[in-house]
Protein backbone atom coordinates (compact mmCIF):
# COMPACT_ATOMS: atom_id res chain seq x y z
CA PRO A 1 0.02 0.09 0.11
CA LYS A 2 0.91 3.78 -0.74
CA GLN A 3 2.18 5.66 2.03
CA THR A 4 0.74 9.17 2.78
CA SER A 5 1.41 11.34 5.11
CA THR A 6 -0.33 14.71 6.05
CA PRO A 7 1.95 17.97 6.35
CA PHE A 8 2.08 19.35 10.27
CA VAL A 9 1.19 22.68 10.78
CA CYS A 10 3.25 24.63 13.13
CA PRO A 11 1.62 26.44 16.15
CA ALA A 12 1.43 30.35 16.64
CA GLY A 13 5.01 31.58 17.96
CA SER A 14 6.75 29.14 15.86
CA TYR A 15 7.46 28.56 11.90
CA GLN A 16 8.47 25.80 9.39
CA PRO A 17 10.52 27.40 6.46
CA ASN A 18 10.56 23.53 4.60
CA TYR A 19 7.37 22.97 2.86
CA GLY A 20 5.85 19.73 3.70
CA ALA A 21 7.02 19.09 7.10
CA THR A 22 5.71 16.21 9.02
CA SER A 23 6.30 16.35 12.76
CA ASN A 24 6.14 19.41 15.16
CA THR A 25 9.96 18.28 15.55
CA SER A 26 10.59 20.53 12.51
CA CYS A 27 8.64 23.67 13.83
CA LEU A 28 11.07 26.35 14.94
CA LEU A 29 10.20 28.76 17.63
CA CYS A 30 10.10 32.60 16.63
CA ASP A 31 13.38 34.16 17.65
CA ALA A 32 13.36 37.03 20.50
CA GLY A 33 12.25 40.28 18.61
CA THR A 34 9.52 38.74 16.42
CA TYR A 35 6.53 36.85 16.69
CA GLN A 36 4.07 34.98 14.52
CA TYR A 37 -0.08 35.15 15.46
CA ASP A 38 -0.69 32.75 12.95
CA SER A 39 -0.28 28.55 12.63
CA GLY A 40 1.25 27.34 9.72
CA GLN A 41 3.38 30.07 8.66
CA GLU A 42 6.78 29.90 6.88
CA SER A 43 8.54 32.92 9.10
CA CYS A 44 7.93 35.08 11.98
CA TYR A 45 7.40 38.93 11.72
CA LYS A 46 9.79 41.40 13.45
CA CYS A 47 8.81 43.66 16.53
CA SER A 48 8.20 47.07 15.70
CA SER A 49 11.11 49.95 17.56
CA SER A 50 8.56 50.50 20.11
CA SER A 51 8.11 46.43 21.22
CA THR A 52 9.51 43.36 22.07
CA SER A 53 9.03 39.87 22.43
CA GLY A 54 10.85 36.69 23.78
CA LEU A 55 11.53 33.13 22.11
CA GLY A 56 8.53 31.67 20.73
CA ALA A 57 5.81 34.88 21.15
CA LYS A 58 2.47 35.07 19.70
CA GLU A 59 2.87 38.81 19.73
CA CYS A 60 5.07 41.54 20.99
CA GLN A 61 5.14 43.50 23.96
CA CYS A 62 4.72 46.93 23.62
CA ILE A 63 7.13 49.25 25.69
CA GLY A 64 5.45 52.02 27.70
CA GLN A 65 2.07 52.10 29.72
CA ASN A 66 -1.67 52.26 28.03
CA ARG A 67 -0.20 50.91 24.78
CA ALA A 68 -1.67 47.99 22.32
CA PHE A 69 0.00 45.80 20.22
CA GLN A 70 -1.48 45.16 16.63
CA PRO A 71 -0.24 41.52 15.27
CA LEU A 72 -1.60 42.45 11.66
CA ASP A 73 0.87 45.52 11.25
CA GLY A 74 3.28 44.73 14.14
CA TRP A 75 2.96 48.39 15.35
CA CYS A 76 1.94 50.03 19.10
CA ILE A 77 -0.86 52.06 19.25
CA CYS A 78 -2.24 54.13 21.88
CA ARG A 79 -5.19 52.41 23.93
CA PRO A 80 -8.60 54.44 23.87
CA GLY A 81 -8.37 57.50 25.60
CA TYR A 82 -4.69 57.87 25.54
CA GLU A 83 -2.24 60.12 23.10
CA PHE A 84 1.19 59.34 22.53
CA VAL A 85 3.50 61.60 24.54
CA ASN A 86 7.75 61.32 24.18
CA SER A 87 10.21 61.85 26.70
CA TYR A 88 10.28 65.97 26.30
CA TYR A 89 6.43 65.61 27.38
CA GLN A 90 5.71 66.84 23.87
CA VAL A 91 2.47 65.20 21.79
């Protein structure tokens, strides 16, 4: 009988650059400073300059208070009701 295998889908926070992997041992964790919010991907996204992440991250953590990470574009935005102020207290 013909042997078949189903490609394995790596979970969020990891990736598989080689198409057709059949085991979770071929999944690689996203490096620190990168993230992957979706499963079955071939690479990870880089965190923006205003965020950071650890190994195997599903999203980046925004630097500063009252900020929210947007996984689709990788940027941090102010939470509703807040405004960005730089280190010189300028809006």
